[in-house]
C-alpha atoms as a PDB file:
ATOM      1  CA  MET A   1      69.649 -22.980 -20.865  1.00  0.00           C
ATOM      2  CA  LEU A   2      68.360 -19.427 -21.288  1.00  0.00           C
ATOM      3  CA  SER A   3      66.940 -17.582 -18.319  1.00  0.00           C
ATOM      4  CA  VAL A   4      63.567 -15.916 -18.708  1.00  0.00           C
ATOM      5  CA  GLY A   5      65.400 -12.642 -19.271  1.00  0.00           C
ATOM      6  CA  GLY A   6      67.669 -14.265 -21.825  1.00  0.00           C
ATOM      7  CA  LEU A   7      64.728 -15.752 -23.685  1.00  0.00           C
ATOM      8  CA  ARG A   8      62.973 -12.384 -23.664  1.00  0.00           C
ATOM      9  CA  ALA A   9      66.075 -10.814 -25.186  1.00  0.00           C
ATOM     10  CA  HIS A  10      66.195 -13.571 -27.812  1.00  0.00           C
ATOM     11  CA  LEU A  11      62.542 -13.019 -28.736  1.00  0.00           C
ATOM     12  CA  LEU A  12      63.308  -9.388 -29.435  1.00  0.00           C
ATOM     13  CA  ALA A  13      66.636  -9.959 -31.196  1.00  0.00           C
ATOM     14  CA  ALA A  14      65.184 -12.653 -33.485  1.00  0.00           C
ATOM     15  CA  ARG A  15      62.060 -10.567 -34.056  1.00  0.00           C
ATOM     16  CA  LEU A  16      59.861 -13.360 -32.788  1.00  0.00           C
ATOM     17  CA  ALA A  17      58.331 -10.606 -30.670  1.00  0.00           C
ATOM     18  CA  GLY A  18      58.687  -6.857 -30.517  1.00  0.00           C
ATOM     19  CA  ALA A  19      58.495  -5.329 -33.998  1.00  0.00           C
ATOM     20  CA  VAL A  20      57.812  -8.404 -36.138  1.00  0.00           C
ATOM     21  CA  GLY A  21      57.920  -9.026 -39.865  1.00  0.00           C
ATOM     22  CA  THR A  22      54.144  -9.074 -40.256  1.00  0.00           C
ATOM     23  CA  SER A  23      52.859  -5.681 -41.355  1.00  0.00           C
ATOM     24  CA  ARG A  24      50.020  -3.799 -39.711  1.00  0.00           C
ATOM     25  CA  GLU A  25      48.282  -3.661 -43.090  1.00  0.00           C
ATOM     26  CA  ARG A  26      48.359  -7.443 -43.393  1.00  0.00           C
ATOM     27  CA  SER A  27      47.041  -7.934 -39.859  1.00  0.00           C
ATOM     28  CA  LEU A  28      44.179  -5.475 -40.363  1.00  0.00           C
ATOM     29  CA  ARG A  29      43.261  -7.185 -43.628  1.00  0.00           C
ATOM     30  CA  SER A  30      43.017 -10.503 -41.767  1.00  0.00           C
ATOM     31  CA  TYR A  31      40.835  -8.936 -39.084  1.00  0.00           C
ATOM     32  CA  ARG A  32      38.467  -7.551 -41.708  1.00  0.00           C
ATOM     33  CA  LEU A  33      38.260 -10.917 -43.447  1.00  0.00           C
ATOM     34  CA  PHE A  34      37.647 -12.647 -40.117  1.00  0.00           C
ATOM     35  CA  ALA A  35      34.843 -10.200 -39.297  1.00  0.00           C
ATOM     36  CA  ALA A  36      33.310 -11.120 -42.674  1.00  0.00           C
ATOM     37  CA  ARG A  37      33.621 -14.849 -41.794  1.00  0.00           C
ATOM     38  CA  ASP A  38      36.003 -15.521 -44.675  1.00  0.00           C
ATOM     39  CA  PRO A  39      37.049 -19.212 -44.407  1.00  0.00           C
ATOM     40  CA  ARG A  40      40.608 -18.335 -45.463  1.00  0.00           C
ATOM     41  CA  VAL A  41      41.225 -16.737 -42.082  1.00  0.00           C
ATOM     42  CA  LEU A  42      38.722 -18.669 -39.946  1.00  0.00           C
ATOM     43  CA  LEU A  43      41.115 -21.675 -40.167  1.00  0.00           C
ATOM     44  CA  GLY A  44      38.293 -24.087 -39.385  1.00  0.00           C
ATOM     45  CA  LEU A  45      36.896 -22.085 -36.466  1.00  0.00           C
ATOM     46  CA  ASP A  46      33.160 -21.353 -36.283  1.00  0.00           C
ATOM     47  CA  PRO A  47      33.062 -18.412 -33.855  1.00  0.00           C
ATOM     48  CA  GLU A  48      30.216 -18.294 -31.376  1.00  0.00           C
ATOM     49  CA  GLY A  49      30.216 -14.527 -31.076  1.00  0.00           C
ATOM     50  CA  VAL A  50      29.979 -11.647 -33.505  1.00  0.00           C
ATOM     51  CA  TRP A  51      33.510 -10.355 -33.952  1.00  0.00           C
ATOM     52  CA  GLU A  52      33.638  -7.008 -35.698  1.00  0.00           C
ATOM     53  CA  LEU A  53      36.844  -5.118 -36.473  1.00  0.00           C
ATOM     54  CA  PRO A  54      36.929  -3.032 -33.244  1.00  0.00           C
ATOM     55  CA  GLU A  55      36.462  -6.132 -31.071  1.00  0.00           C
ATOM     56  CA  LEU A  56      39.175  -8.007 -32.968  1.00  0.00           C
ATOM     57  CA  ILE A  57      41.667  -5.156 -32.646  1.00  0.00           C
ATOM     58  CA  ALA A  58      40.940  -4.945 -28.909  1.00  0.00           C
ATOM     59  CA  LEU A  59      41.373  -8.711 -28.494  1.00  0.00           C
ATOM     60  CA  MET A  60      44.636  -8.786 -30.439  1.00  0.00           C
ATOM     61  CA  ALA A  61      45.941  -5.834 -28.435  1.00  0.00           C
ATOM     62  CA  GLU A  62      45.153  -7.704 -25.219  1.00  0.00           C
ATOM     63  CA  LYS A  63      46.509 -11.114 -26.276  1.00  0.00           C
ATOM     64  CA  CYS A  64      49.378 -10.094 -28.595  1.00  0.00           C
ATOM     65  CA  GLY A  65      50.257  -6.520 -27.769  1.00  0.00           C
ATOM     66  CA  VAL A  66      49.457  -5.014 -31.169  1.00  0.00           C
ATOM     67  CA  SER A  67      48.366  -1.388 -31.252  1.00  0.00           C
ATOM     68  CA  ALA A  68      44.840  -0.886 -29.934  1.00  0.00           C
ATOM     69  CA  ASP A  69      44.478   2.244 -32.065  1.00  0.00           C
ATOM     70  CA  PRO A  70      42.301   1.532 -35.130  1.00  0.00           C
ATOM     71  CA  GLN A  71      43.850   4.587 -36.781  1.00  0.00           C
ATOM     72  CA  HIS A  72      47.273   2.930 -36.697  1.00  0.00           C
ATOM     73  CA  VAL A  73      47.192   1.361 -40.167  1.00  0.00           C
ATOM     74  CA  SER A  74      50.767   0.930 -41.396  1.00  0.00           C
ATOM     75  CA  GLY A  75      54.248  -0.189 -40.420  1.00  0.00           C
ATOM     76  CA  HIS A  76      55.445  -3.289 -38.607  1.00  0.00           C
ATOM     77  CA  ASP A  77      53.075  -4.976 -36.230  1.00  0.00           C
ATOM     78  CA  VAL A  78      54.164  -5.546 -32.637  1.00  0.00           C
ATOM     79  CA  ILE A  79      54.030  -8.482 -30.225  1.00  0.00           C
ATOM     80  CA  ASP A  80      54.574  -7.947 -26.498  1.00  0.00           C
ATOM     81  CA  PRO A  81      57.373 -10.380 -25.503  1.00  0.00           C
ATOM     82  CA  ASP A  82      55.970 -10.669 -21.978  1.00  0.00           C
ATOM     83  CA  LEU A  83      52.698 -11.984 -23.421  1.00  0.00           C
ATOM     84  CA  THR A  84      54.718 -14.485 -25.448  1.00  0.00           C
ATOM     85  CA  LEU A  85      56.561 -15.661 -22.338  1.00  0.00           C
ATOM     86  CA  THR A  86      53.332 -16.050 -20.366  1.00  0.00           C
ATOM     87  CA  ALA A  87      51.784 -18.070 -23.192  1.00  0.00           C
ATOM     88  CA  LEU A  88      54.913 -20.229 -23.540  1.00  0.00           C
ATOM     89  CA  ASP A  89      54.590 -21.098 -19.846  1.00  0.00           C
ATOM     90  CA  ALA A  90      50.962 -22.134 -20.380  1.00  0.00           C
ATOM     91  CA  PHE A  91      52.000 -24.104 -23.491  1.00  0.00           C
ATOM     92  CA  ALA A  92      54.673 -25.945 -21.488  1.00  0.00           C
ATOM     93  CA  ASP A  93      52.215 -26.687 -18.693  1.00  0.00           C
ATOM     94  CA  ARG A  94      49.873 -28.403 -21.171  1.00  0.00           C
ATOM     95  CA  LEU A  95      52.805 -30.492 -22.454  1.00  0.00           C
ATOM     96  CA  ALA A  96      53.663 -31.486 -18.887  1.00  0.00           C
ATOM     97  CA  ALA A  97      50.061 -32.469 -18.154  1.00  0.00           C
ATOM     98  CA  VAL A  98      49.741 -34.717 -21.193  1.00  0.00           C
ATOM     99  CA  ALA A  99      53.157 -36.259 -20.525  1.00  0.00           C
ATOM    100  CA  GLN A 100      52.196 -37.082 -16.939  1.00  0.00           C
ATOM    101  CA  ARG A 101      49.160 -38.961 -18.261  1.00  0.00           C
ATOM    102  CA  ARG A 102      51.209 -40.568 -21.051  1.00  0.00           C
ATOM    103  CA  ALA A 103      48.320 -39.581 -23.274  1.00  0.00           C
ATOM    104  CA  PRO A 104      48.276 -39.741 -27.092  1.00  0.00           C
ATOM    105  CA  VAL A 105      49.054 -36.567 -29.012  1.00  0.00           C
ATOM    106  CA  LEU A 106      48.773 -35.370 -32.602  1.00  0.00           C
ATOM    107  CA  ILE A 107      51.213 -32.791 -33.958  1.00  0.00           C
ATOM    108  CA  GLY A 108      50.848 -30.998 -37.283  1.00  0.00           C
ATOM    109  CA  THR A 109      52.007 -27.868 -39.042  1.00  0.00           C
ATOM    110  CA  GLY A 110      51.126 -25.638 -41.938  1.00  0.00           C
ATOM    111  CA  HIS A 111      54.591 -24.044 -41.633  1.00  0.00           C
ATOM    112  CA  PRO A 112      56.938 -27.009 -42.220  1.00  0.00           C
ATOM    113  CA  HIS A 113      59.788 -24.923 -43.595  1.00  0.00           C
ATOM    114  CA  ARG A 114      59.912 -22.851 -40.406  1.00  0.00           C
ATOM    115  CA  LEU A 115      58.435 -24.868 -37.550  1.00  0.00           C
ATOM    116  CA  LEU A 116      59.055 -28.539 -38.316  1.00  0.00           C
ATOM    117  CA  ALA A 117      62.166 -28.761 -36.125  1.00  0.00           C
ATOM    118  CA  PHE A 118      60.330 -27.094 -33.225  1.00  0.00           C
ATOM    119  CA  TYR A 119      57.474 -29.579 -33.371  1.00  0.00           C
ATOM    120  CA  ALA A 120      59.745 -32.573 -34.036  1.00  0.00           C
ATOM    121  CA  ALA A 121      61.637 -31.873 -30.806  1.00  0.00           C
ATOM    122  CA  LEU A 122      58.321 -31.835 -28.938  1.00  0.00           C
ATOM    123  CA  ALA A 123      57.344 -35.116 -30.598  1.00  0.00           C
ATOM    124  CA  ASP A 124      60.634 -36.733 -29.574  1.00  0.00           C
ATOM    125  CA  ALA A 125      60.305 -35.562 -25.976  1.00  0.00           C
ATOM    126  CA  LEU A 126      56.669 -36.600 -25.621  1.00  0.00           C
ATOM    127  CA  SER A 127      57.411 -39.989 -27.162  1.00  0.00           C
ATOM    128  CA  ALA A 128      60.289 -40.489 -24.721  1.00  0.00           C
ATOM    129  CA  ALA A 129      57.867 -39.651 -21.889  1.00  0.00           C
ATOM    130  CA  GLY A 130      55.556 -42.465 -22.988  1.00  0.00           C
ATOM    131  CA  CYS A 131      53.037 -40.564 -25.098  1.00  0.00           C
ATOM    132  CA  ALA A 132      51.884 -42.117 -28.361  1.00  0.00           C
ATOM    133  CA  VAL A 133      52.625 -39.619 -31.140  1.00  0.00           C
ATOM    134  CA  LEU A 134      49.874 -40.468 -33.593  1.00  0.00           C
ATOM    135  CA  ALA A 135      50.145 -40.594 -37.388  1.00  0.00           C
ATOM    136  CA  PRO A 136      46.628 -41.336 -38.685  1.00  0.00           C
ATOM    137  CA  ALA A 137      45.696 -41.137 -42.381  1.00  0.00           C
ATOM    138  CA  HIS A 138      49.335 -41.259 -43.496  1.00  0.00           C
ATOM    139  CA  GLY A 139      49.329 -40.863 -47.281  1.00  0.00           C
ATOM    140  CA  ARG A 140      45.654 -39.928 -47.462  1.00  0.00           C
ATOM    141  CA  CYS A 141      44.661 -37.444 -50.183  1.00  0.00           C
ATOM    142  CA  VAL A 142      43.331 -34.049 -49.088  1.00  0.00           C
ATOM    143  CA  ASP A 143      41.761 -31.650 -51.611  1.00  0.00           C
ATOM    144  CA  ILE A 144      42.403 -28.054 -50.539  1.00  0.00           C
ATOM    145  CA  THR A 145      41.168 -24.897 -52.226  1.00  0.00           C
ATOM    146  CA  THR A 146      44.058 -22.476 -52.763  1.00  0.00           C
ATOM    147  CA  ARG A 147      44.372 -19.156 -54.552  1.00  0.00           C
ATOM    148  CA  PHE A 148      45.380 -21.222 -57.585  1.00  0.00           C
ATOM    149  CA  GLY A 149      42.254 -23.374 -57.413  1.00  0.00           C
ATOM    150  CA  LEU A 150      41.545 -26.830 -56.004  1.00  0.00           C
ATOM    151  CA  ARG A 151      44.725 -28.827 -55.448  1.00  0.00           C
ATOM    152  CA  THR A 152      45.312 -32.332 -54.176  1.00  0.00           C
ATOM    153  CA  TYR A 153      47.787 -32.883 -51.353  1.00  0.00           C
ATOM    154  CA  ASN A 154      48.937 -35.947 -49.475  1.00  0.00           C
ATOM    155  CA  LEU A 155      49.086 -36.106 -45.697  1.00  0.00           C
ATOM    156  CA  ASP A 156      52.603 -37.058 -44.643  1.00  0.00           C
ATOM    157  CA  TYR A 157      54.488 -37.369 -41.352  1.00  0.00           C
ATOM    158  CA  VAL A 158      58.095 -36.326 -40.789  1.00  0.00           C
ATOM    159  CA  ARG A 159      59.646 -37.098 -37.396  1.00  0.00           C
ATOM    160  CA  GLY A 160      56.172 -37.447 -35.913  1.00  0.00           C
ATOM    161  CA  VAL A 161      54.878 -34.172 -37.344  1.00  0.00           C
ATOM    162  CA  ALA A 162      52.031 -34.084 -39.858  1.00  0.00           C
ATOM    163  CA  LEU A 163      52.247 -31.886 -42.934  1.00  0.00           C
ATOM    164  CA  VAL A 164      50.890 -31.866 -46.467  1.00  0.00           C
ATOM    165  CA  ARG A 165      52.762 -32.271 -49.741  1.00  0.00           C
ATOM    166  CA  GLU A 166      51.488 -31.659 -53.231  1.00  0.00           C
ATOM    167  CA  ALA A 167      50.343 -34.932 -54.748  1.00  0.00           C
ATOM    168  CA  GLY A 168      53.250 -36.598 -56.479  1.00  0.00           C
ATOM    169  CA  ALA A 169      55.924 -34.856 -54.422  1.00  0.00           C
ATOM    170  CA  PRO A 170      58.379 -37.370 -52.930  1.00  0.00           C
ATOM    171  CA  SER A 171      58.421 -38.054 -49.191  1.00  0.00           C
ATOM    172  CA  THR A 172      62.075 -37.306 -48.574  1.00  0.00           C
ATOM    173  CA  GLY A 173      61.989 -36.859 -44.809  1.00  0.00           C
ATOM    174  CA  ARG A 174      63.089 -33.262 -45.304  1.00  0.00           C
ATOM    175  CA  GLU A 175      61.254 -29.986 -44.748  1.00  0.00           C
ATOM    176  CA  THR A 176      59.588 -29.999 -48.157  1.00  0.00           C
ATOM    177  CA  GLY A 177      55.941 -29.818 -47.158  1.00  0.00           C
ATOM    178  CA  ALA A 178      53.528 -27.156 -48.352  1.00  0.00           C
ATOM    179  CA  HIS A 179      52.458 -24.041 -46.489  1.00  0.00           C
ATOM    180  CA  SER A 180      48.785 -24.394 -45.555  1.00  0.00           C
ATOM    181  CA  HIS A 181      46.137 -22.693 -43.417  1.00  0.00           C
ATOM    182  CA  SER A 182      43.502 -25.346 -44.094  1.00  0.00           C
ATOM    183  CA  PRO A 183      41.732 -27.305 -41.328  1.00  0.00           C
ATOM    184  CA  LEU A 184      41.100 -30.192 -43.745  1.00  0.00           C
ATOM    185  CA  PRO A 185      44.328 -32.080 -42.917  1.00  0.00           C
ATOM    186  CA  VAL A 186      43.530 -32.303 -39.201  1.00  0.00           C
ATOM    187  CA  ARG A 187      39.914 -33.207 -39.923  1.00  0.00           C
ATOM    188  CA  THR A 188      41.146 -35.973 -42.208  1.00  0.00           C
ATOM    189  CA  ALA A 189      43.598 -37.256 -39.601  1.00  0.00           C
ATOM    190  CA  LEU A 190      41.058 -37.223 -36.768  1.00  0.00           C
ATOM    191  CA  ALA A 191      38.368 -38.864 -38.879  1.00  0.00           C
ATOM    192  CA  ALA A 192      40.795 -41.622 -39.899  1.00  0.00           C
ATOM    193  CA  ALA A 193      41.748 -42.243 -36.268  1.00  0.00           C
ATOM    194  CA  ALA A 194      38.085 -42.523 -35.327  1.00  0.00           C
ATOM    195  CA  GLU A 195      37.386 -44.877 -38.255  1.00  0.00           C
ATOM    196  CA  VAL A 196      39.837 -47.458 -36.947  1.00  0.00           C
ATOM    197  CA  GLY A 197      38.718 -47.106 -33.353  1.00  0.00           C
ATOM    198  CA  GLY A 198      41.391 -44.744 -32.127  1.00  0.00           C
ATOM    199  CA  PRO A 199      43.294 -43.919 -30.104  1.00  0.00           C
ATOM    200  CA  LEU A 200      42.296 -40.286 -30.395  1.00  0.00           C
ATOM    201  CA  PRO A 201      44.640 -37.521 -29.290  1.00  0.00           C
ATOM    202  CA  GLU A 202      44.143 -35.896 -25.917  1.00  0.00           C
ATOM    203  CA  LEU A 203      46.156 -32.932 -27.173  1.00  0.00           C
ATOM    204  CA  VAL A 204      46.690 -31.501 -30.646  1.00  0.00           C
ATOM    205  CA  ILE A 205      49.785 -29.328 -31.103  1.00  0.00           C
ATOM    206  CA  GLY A 206      50.280 -27.193 -34.181  1.00  0.00           C
ATOM    207  CA  ASP A 207      49.375 -23.972 -35.939  1.00  0.00           C
ATOM    208  CA  HIS A 208      46.781 -22.515 -38.298  1.00  0.00           C
ATOM    209  CA  GLY A 209      44.083 -25.037 -39.225  1.00  0.00           C
ATOM    210  CA  TRP A 210      45.626 -27.772 -37.082  1.00  0.00           C
ATOM    211  CA  VAL A 211      44.770 -25.862 -33.917  1.00  0.00           C
ATOM    212  CA  CYS A 212      41.477 -24.257 -34.923  1.00  0.00           C
ATOM    213  CA  GLY A 213      40.225 -27.304 -36.815  1.00  0.00           C
ATOM    214  CA  ALA A 214      40.916 -29.618 -33.868  1.00  0.00           C
ATOM    215  CA  GLY A 215      39.616 -27.163 -31.288  1.00  0.00           C
ATOM    216  CA  GLN A 216      36.385 -26.713 -33.205  1.00  0.00           C
ATOM    217  CA  LEU A 217      35.872 -30.483 -33.015  1.00  0.00           C
ATOM    218  CA  GLY A 218      36.299 -30.482 -29.245  1.00  0.00           C
ATOM    219  CA  PHE A 219      39.937 -31.570 -28.961  1.00  0.00           C
ATOM    220  CA  GLU A 220      42.303 -29.660 -26.714  1.00  0.00           C
ATOM    221  CA  ALA A 221      44.598 -27.719 -29.030  1.00  0.00           C
ATOM    222  CA  ILE A 222      47.605 -25.449 -28.487  1.00  0.00           C
ATOM    223  CA  GLY A 223      50.064 -23.640 -30.724  1.00  0.00           C
ATOM    224  CA  PRO A 224      51.739 -20.449 -31.909  1.00  0.00           C
ATOM    225  CA  ALA A 225      50.013 -17.692 -33.851  1.00  0.00           C
ATOM    226  CA  ASP A 226      51.129 -14.524 -35.590  1.00  0.00           C
ATOM    227  CA  THR A 227      49.447 -11.131 -35.423  1.00  0.00           C
ATOM    228  CA  ASN A 228      47.528 -11.898 -38.628  1.00  0.00           C
ATOM    229  CA  ASP A 229      46.059 -15.121 -37.208  1.00  0.00           C
ATOM    230  CA  PRO A 230      43.119 -13.830 -35.137  1.00  0.00           C
ATOM    231  CA  ALA A 231      41.294 -17.177 -35.297  1.00  0.00           C
ATOM    232  CA  LEU A 232      43.502 -18.811 -32.656  1.00  0.00           C
ATOM    233  CA  PHE A 233      43.040 -15.923 -30.235  1.00  0.00           C
ATOM    234  CA  VAL A 234      39.284 -15.795 -30.819  1.00  0.00           C
ATOM    235  CA  GLY A 235      39.224 -19.549 -30.259  1.00  0.00           C
ATOM    236  CA  GLN A 236      41.118 -19.077 -27.009  1.00  0.00           C
ATOM    237  CA  ALA A 237      38.742 -16.311 -25.909  1.00  0.00           C
ATOM    238  CA  GLU A 238      35.733 -18.531 -26.643  1.00  0.00           C
ATOM    239  CA  GLY A 239      37.243 -21.675 -25.100  1.00  0.00           C
ATOM    240  CA  SER A 240      37.832 -23.862 -28.164  1.00  0.00           C
ATOM    241  CA  VAL A 241      41.619 -23.271 -28.185  1.00  0.00           C
ATOM    242  CA  SER A 242      43.530 -23.985 -24.994  1.00  0.00           C
ATOM    243  CA  VAL A 243      46.692 -21.919 -25.589  1.00  0.00           C
ATOM    244  CA  ALA A 244      47.647 -19.521 -28.380  1.00  0.00           C
ATOM    245  CA  VAL A 245      51.248 -18.295 -28.218  1.00  0.00           C
ATOM    246  CA  PRO A 246      51.775 -14.902 -29.885  1.00  0.00           C
ATOM    247  CA  LEU A 247      54.941 -14.928 -31.988  1.00  0.00           C
ATOM    248  CA  ASP A 248      56.133 -14.445 -35.546  1.00  0.00           C
ATOM    249  CA  ASP A 249      55.686 -17.847 -37.191  1.00  0.00           C
ATOM    250  CA  ALA A 250      57.865 -17.206 -40.235  1.00  0.00           C
ATOM    251  CA  VAL A 251      61.390 -16.437 -39.033  1.00  0.00           C
ATOM    252  CA  ARG A 252      64.414 -18.726 -39.521  1.00  0.00           C
ATOM    253  CA  SER A 253      63.800 -22.223 -38.179  1.00  0.00           C
ATOM    254  CA  ASP A 254      66.851 -22.177 -35.882  1.00  0.00           C
ATOM    255  CA  TYR A 255      65.504 -19.096 -34.094  1.00  0.00           C
ATOM    256  CA  TYR A 256      62.836 -21.313 -32.494  1.00  0.00           C
ATOM    257  CA  LEU A 257      65.410 -23.595 -30.847  1.00  0.00           C
ATOM    258  CA  PRO A 258      65.669 -21.561 -27.606  1.00  0.00           C
ATOM    259  CA  LEU A 259      61.875 -21.698 -27.312  1.00  0.00           C
ATOM    260  CA  THR A 260      62.006 -25.473 -27.691  1.00  0.00           C
ATOM    261  CA  ARG A 261      64.538 -25.772 -24.888  1.00  0.00           C
ATOM    262  CA  TYR A 262      62.570 -23.403 -22.686  1.00  0.00           C
ATOM    263  CA  VAL A 263      59.217 -25.191 -22.934  1.00  0.00           C
ATOM    264  CA  LEU A 264      60.747 -28.661 -22.613  1.00  0.00           C
ATOM    265  CA  ASN A 265      62.700 -27.586 -19.549  1.00  0.00           C
ATOM    266  CA  ARG A 266      59.616 -26.062 -17.928  1.00  0.00           C
ATOM    267  CA  ALA A 267      57.606 -29.183 -18.775  1.00  0.00           C
ATOM    268  CA  CYS A 268      60.388 -31.371 -17.280  1.00  0.00           C
ATOM    269  CA  LEU A 269      60.752 -33.230 -20.561  1.00  0.00           C
ATOM    270  CA  SER A 270      64.045 -34.373 -22.062  1.00  0.00           C
ATOM    271  CA  GLN A 271      64.885 -33.792 -25.732  1.00  0.00           C
END
């Protein structure tokens, strides 16, 4: 089990924090699109406040550790590992709280190729603690607008984790889901659960549209977010997202394993 210092060193060595793979240019582009209320970066969030570029840069500097200088426009973006550690502690505390209540949870990802194993370990541990890991709307069609036009996906579950696959793609149980920022999958899942009379999740765990889409509907939602995902941090600032963990969400999947062990250990959950 890594110490806090060991985990901090791992965050930096794996580039989960520190200088991350996301470029400053890409982050600033996302902030501009968010300020313009572009649905591609809102991720299902309907912000209460007016978030212009200066306010977004200031928020992301506070919550992630990116440069607060608006004139800094190129190079690698930066995440403060101490902010990541603090957020991981809060993330683990929410897991512990839901486990103590043996409450139902919903887990979903738009990054199955990178984060499926991380979420699957959480699903296993929460299930072992007596939580129902929900799988509503399994197989349901979801039409999502992409840069290639409107495409139909199917909602699938692998090891308790929701993801979407292009219609017609086989459900192999492997990490073959599609990358997605859309809130439509979580809306579909939550609507299906309500249609049959529940149970509804007391906590939604995930990323991108899974967190913002659920939080916007009033469900407690937690998850990781990169420097180009301002929606989760705005949601946290406005109270619709419970915990947003700043980290690079696109490194090798095995690099997240120490984080899994850390949060499960803090939450007193077995794997």
